[in-house]
Amino acid sequence: MDYRPHRKLDVWHKSMELVCEVYKATSAFPKTEEYGLSSQMRRAAVSVPSNLAEGAARKGNKEFKQFLNIAQGSLSELDTQVELAHMLGYMAGEKHKELMAKMTEISKMLYGLANALK
């Protein structure tokens, strides 16, 4: 038996890549944002694969779906924060577009996985 079923999920791998990208992007933020927007973005990003891992380890589809919804919520939170970082001039246009595209892809994957669990 595999005790780490989340590692089989493509969406988990994609969301782990997103976390790394968010960490890289926020490392260039002003020092004044270290405990503000930067920290919030990192926590929201980490929450996505973390909830996928926890949900995949649960016994039933109903519980797993609940964690997929939480992951989707964290992704929406990150979407807002990425937009704000761009508006404040903390994030260049190309990085903004890249992160938005990755979040869109992950969101579609989360919805698809949730629908498959019905």
Protein backbone atom coordinates (compact mmCIF):
# COMPACT_ATOMS: atom_id res chain seq x y z
CA MET A 1 0.00 0.00 0.00
CA ASP A 2 1.28 3.46 -0.90
CA TYR A 3 1.15 5.72 2.14
CA ARG A 4 1.63 8.83 0.01
CA PRO A 5 -1.19 8.72 -2.56
CA HIS A 6 -0.96 12.47 -3.24
CA ARG A 7 2.32 11.87 -5.10
CA LYS A 8 0.34 10.14 -7.86
CA LEU A 9 -1.67 13.31 -8.54
CA ASP A 10 -0.50 15.52 -11.40
CA VAL A 11 -2.25 18.46 -9.75
CA TRP A 12 -0.15 17.97 -6.62
CA HIS A 13 3.06 18.12 -8.68
CA LYS A 14 1.86 21.24 -10.53
CA SER A 15 0.89 22.93 -7.28
CA MET A 16 4.31 22.13 -5.78
CA GLU A 17 5.89 23.86 -8.79
CA LEU A 18 3.60 26.82 -8.17
CA VAL A 19 4.79 27.04 -4.55
CA CYS A 20 8.41 27.23 -5.73
CA GLU A 21 7.51 29.96 -8.23
CA VAL A 22 5.69 31.97 -5.57
CA TYR A 23 8.66 31.70 -3.22
CA LYS A 24 11.00 32.92 -5.97
CA ALA A 25 8.69 35.78 -6.93
CA THR A 26 8.14 36.96 -3.36
CA SER A 27 11.85 36.89 -2.55
CA ALA A 28 12.15 40.06 -4.65
CA PHE A 29 9.40 41.89 -2.74
CA PRO A 30 10.33 44.87 -0.56
CA LYS A 31 11.63 43.96 2.90
CA THR A 32 8.58 45.73 4.39
CA GLU A 33 6.38 42.98 2.92
CA GLU A 34 8.28 40.11 4.54
CA TYR A 35 5.57 39.59 7.16
CA GLY A 36 2.77 41.01 5.04
CA LEU A 37 1.82 40.16 1.49
CA SER A 38 4.85 37.97 0.86
CA SER A 39 4.09 35.78 3.86
CA GLN A 40 0.39 35.55 2.99
CA MET A 41 1.15 34.54 -0.59
CA ARG A 42 3.55 31.85 0.53
CA ARG A 43 1.06 30.42 3.04
CA ALA A 44 -1.75 30.38 0.47
CA ALA A 45 0.48 28.70 -2.11
CA VAL A 46 1.68 26.03 0.35
CA SER A 47 -1.91 25.38 1.38
CA VAL A 48 -2.84 24.07 -2.09
CA PRO A 49 -0.58 20.98 -2.25
CA SER A 50 -0.88 20.50 1.52
CA ASN A 51 -4.65 20.14 1.29
CA LEU A 52 -4.30 17.84 -1.71
CA ALA A 53 -1.97 15.63 0.30
CA GLU A 54 -4.23 15.56 3.32
CA GLY A 55 -7.34 14.93 1.25
CA ALA A 56 -5.75 12.13 -0.76
CA ALA A 57 -4.84 10.39 2.49
CA ARG A 58 -8.45 10.38 3.70
CA LYS A 59 -10.62 7.29 3.48
CA GLY A 60 -13.51 8.46 1.34
CA ASN A 61 -14.25 10.61 -1.67
CA LYS A 62 -16.50 12.93 0.32
CA GLU A 63 -13.64 13.92 2.61
CA PHE A 64 -11.20 14.18 -0.28
CA LYS A 65 -13.60 16.50 -2.08
CA GLN A 66 -13.79 18.74 0.98
CA PHE A 67 -10.00 19.15 0.90
CA LEU A 68 -10.12 19.83 -2.85
CA ASN A 69 -12.54 22.66 -2.10
CA ILE A 70 -10.18 24.05 0.53
CA ALA A 71 -7.29 23.84 -1.97
CA GLN A 72 -9.44 25.69 -4.52
CA GLY A 73 -10.16 28.37 -1.92
CA SER A 74 -6.46 28.79 -1.17
CA LEU A 75 -5.77 29.07 -4.89
CA SER A 76 -8.40 31.82 -5.16
CA GLU A 77 -6.81 33.59 -2.22
CA LEU A 78 -3.42 33.39 -3.96
CA ASP A 79 -4.97 34.69 -7.19
CA THR A 80 -6.11 37.83 -5.37
CA GLN A 81 -2.72 38.29 -3.75
CA VAL A 82 -0.82 37.85 -7.02
CA GLU A 83 -3.07 40.45 -8.62
CA LEU A 84 -2.47 42.83 -5.74
CA ALA A 85 1.31 42.30 -5.90
CA HIS A 86 1.19 43.14 -9.60
CA MET A 87 -0.93 46.25 -8.98
CA LEU A 88 1.51 47.44 -6.30
CA GLY A 89 4.43 47.02 -8.69
CA TYR A 90 6.03 44.18 -6.75
CA MET A 91 5.67 41.73 -9.63
CA ALA A 92 6.61 42.25 -13.28
CA GLY A 93 4.07 41.65 -16.01
CA GLU A 94 5.66 38.45 -17.30
CA LYS A 95 5.86 36.81 -13.86
CA HIS A 96 2.26 37.89 -13.20
CA LYS A 97 1.07 36.29 -16.44
CA GLU A 98 3.06 33.13 -15.76
CA LEU A 99 1.62 32.69 -12.27
CA MET A 100 -1.92 33.47 -13.44
CA ALA A 101 -1.62 30.83 -16.18
CA LYS A 102 -0.33 28.22 -13.71
CA MET A 103 -3.13 29.00 -11.27
CA THR A 104 -5.73 28.68 -14.02
CA GLU A 105 -4.34 25.30 -15.03
CA ILE A 106 -4.31 24.06 -11.43
CA SER A 107 -7.84 25.35 -10.84
CA LYS A 108 -9.11 23.42 -13.86
CA MET A 109 -7.33 20.30 -12.63
CA LEU A 110 -8.88 20.66 -9.16
CA TYR A 111 -12.38 21.04 -10.62
CA GLY A 112 -11.79 18.06 -12.88
CA LEU A 113 -10.61 15.88 -10.01
CA ALA A 114 -13.56 16.94 -7.86
CA ASN A 115 -15.99 16.09 -10.65
CA ALA A 116 -14.33 12.70 -11.14
CA LEU A 117 -14.96 11.88 -7.47
CA LYS A 118 -18.74 12.22 -7.82
